[in-house]
Amino acid sequence: MKIHSILGKGFYEVVYKDALEIELQKNQIPYHREKQFKIKYEGIELKRKFRADFLAYSAILLEIKAQHNIPGDAFNQTLNYLKSAEIKLGITINFGEDRLKFQRIVCTY
């Protein structure tokens, strides 16, 4: 909320990611930025991998958006990331609207 109140809407996603990284560091929250995960198909690792915007506490996947509305495919993208990474909790945060919007996603695999 602090980031959105200071920067407002209108920047590219990377700007909000940079600001979020500063806040995570200041608050001593353990995280990985652009954390890479493997994708498997029938037990076989695919050539393509995905990169989560952030992984906090090794358990919470954060996907950052800066769009007028969170598109429906953002939910599916985050859910697929959770399944592939075998992580239960994901949060999509959208800085692109007048008010900060987020969506909490719980995966039961």
Protein backbone atom coordinates (compact mmCIF):
# COMPACT_ATOMS: atom_id res chain seq x y z
CA MET A 1 0.00 0.00 0.00
CA LYS A 2 2.89 2.33 0.80
CA ILE A 3 4.38 1.85 -2.66
CA HIS A 4 1.07 2.61 -4.36
CA SER A 5 0.43 5.67 -2.22
CA ILE A 6 3.89 7.08 -3.02
CA LEU A 7 4.23 6.14 -6.70
CA GLY A 8 0.57 6.00 -7.71
CA LYS A 9 -0.43 4.26 -10.91
CA GLY A 10 1.09 4.57 -14.36
CA PHE A 11 4.62 3.17 -14.11
CA TYR A 12 5.83 -0.01 -15.74
CA GLU A 13 5.81 -3.16 -13.62
CA VAL A 14 9.57 -3.10 -13.15
CA VAL A 15 9.35 0.20 -11.24
CA TYR A 16 6.95 -1.33 -8.71
CA LYS A 17 9.14 -4.43 -8.47
CA ASP A 18 12.15 -2.26 -7.68
CA ALA A 19 10.19 -0.42 -4.99
CA LEU A 20 8.85 -3.68 -3.54
CA GLU A 21 12.37 -5.06 -3.37
CA ILE A 22 13.42 -2.02 -1.31
CA GLU A 23 10.50 -2.56 1.07
CA LEU A 24 11.25 -6.26 1.46
CA GLN A 25 14.88 -5.45 2.28
CA LYS A 26 13.96 -2.67 4.73
CA ASN A 27 11.57 -5.00 6.54
CA GLN A 28 14.08 -7.87 6.53
CA ILE A 29 11.69 -10.18 4.70
CA PRO A 30 13.56 -13.06 3.05
CA TYR A 31 12.84 -13.19 -0.67
CA HIS A 32 14.10 -14.14 -4.12
CA ARG A 33 13.44 -11.90 -7.10
CA GLU A 34 12.80 -13.49 -10.49
CA LYS A 35 12.93 -16.93 -8.90
CA GLN A 36 13.17 -19.56 -11.62
CA PHE A 37 11.12 -22.75 -11.41
CA LYS A 38 11.03 -25.89 -13.52
CA ILE A 39 7.92 -27.12 -15.29
CA LYS A 40 7.31 -30.84 -15.56
CA TYR A 41 5.08 -32.78 -17.91
CA GLU A 42 4.41 -36.42 -17.00
CA GLY A 43 7.49 -36.39 -14.79
CA ILE A 44 9.74 -34.97 -17.50
CA GLU A 45 11.28 -31.54 -17.07
CA LEU A 46 10.40 -29.22 -19.94
CA LYS A 47 12.94 -26.94 -21.61
CA ARG A 48 10.97 -23.85 -20.64
CA LYS A 49 10.97 -22.57 -17.11
CA PHE A 50 9.02 -19.78 -15.48
CA ARG A 51 10.18 -16.94 -13.30
CA ALA A 52 8.07 -15.77 -10.43
CA ASP A 53 8.37 -12.05 -9.78
CA PHE A 54 9.09 -12.69 -6.09
CA LEU A 55 9.15 -15.60 -3.69
CA ALA A 56 8.89 -14.43 -0.09
CA TYR A 57 9.65 -16.60 2.94
CA SER A 58 10.21 -19.49 0.47
CA ALA A 59 6.45 -19.98 0.61
CA ILE A 60 4.57 -17.01 -0.91
CA LEU A 61 4.68 -16.38 -4.63
CA LEU A 62 4.12 -12.71 -5.57
CA GLU A 63 3.15 -11.69 -9.08
CA ILE A 64 3.24 -7.96 -9.82
CA LYS A 65 1.02 -6.27 -12.41
CA ALA A 66 0.63 -2.66 -13.54
CA GLN A 67 -2.51 -2.79 -15.66
CA HIS A 68 -5.85 -1.01 -15.65
CA ASN A 69 -7.57 -4.24 -14.55
CA ILE A 70 -6.10 -7.53 -13.44
CA PRO A 71 -6.82 -9.75 -16.44
CA GLY A 72 -8.40 -13.14 -15.87
CA ASP A 73 -5.34 -14.88 -17.25
CA ALA A 74 -3.26 -13.41 -14.38
CA PHE A 75 -5.16 -15.69 -12.00
CA ASN A 76 -4.51 -18.73 -14.19
CA GLN A 77 -0.85 -17.79 -14.63
CA THR A 78 -0.31 -17.51 -10.89
CA LEU A 79 -2.23 -20.73 -10.23
CA ASN A 80 -0.11 -22.60 -12.78
CA TYR A 81 3.06 -21.19 -11.20
CA LEU A 82 1.88 -22.39 -7.80
CA LYS A 83 1.20 -25.89 -9.12
CA SER A 84 4.57 -26.12 -10.87
CA ALA A 85 6.48 -24.80 -7.86
CA GLU A 86 4.41 -26.86 -5.42
CA ILE A 87 3.67 -23.74 -3.40
CA LYS A 88 0.28 -23.19 -1.79
CA LEU A 89 -0.05 -19.40 -1.56
CA GLY A 90 0.21 -16.79 -4.29
CA ILE A 91 -0.72 -13.12 -4.41
CA THR A 92 -1.24 -11.09 -7.56
CA ILE A 93 -0.77 -7.38 -6.83
CA ASN A 94 -1.91 -4.77 -9.34
CA PHE A 95 -0.46 -1.27 -9.08
CA GLY A 96 -2.15 -0.07 -12.29
CA GLU A 97 -5.43 1.14 -10.84
CA ASP A 98 -6.51 4.12 -8.74
CA ARG A 99 -6.53 1.90 -5.67
CA LEU A 100 -4.15 -0.97 -4.99
CA LYS A 101 -5.76 -4.27 -5.94
CA PHE A 102 -4.64 -7.74 -5.01
CA GLN A 103 -5.90 -11.27 -5.32
CA ARG A 104 -4.93 -14.06 -2.95
CA ILE A 105 -4.72 -17.48 -4.58
CA VAL A 106 -4.55 -20.73 -2.65
CA CYS A 107 -3.51 -23.86 -4.52
CA THR A 108 -4.44 -27.31 -3.31
CA TYR A 109 -2.47 -28.94 -6.19
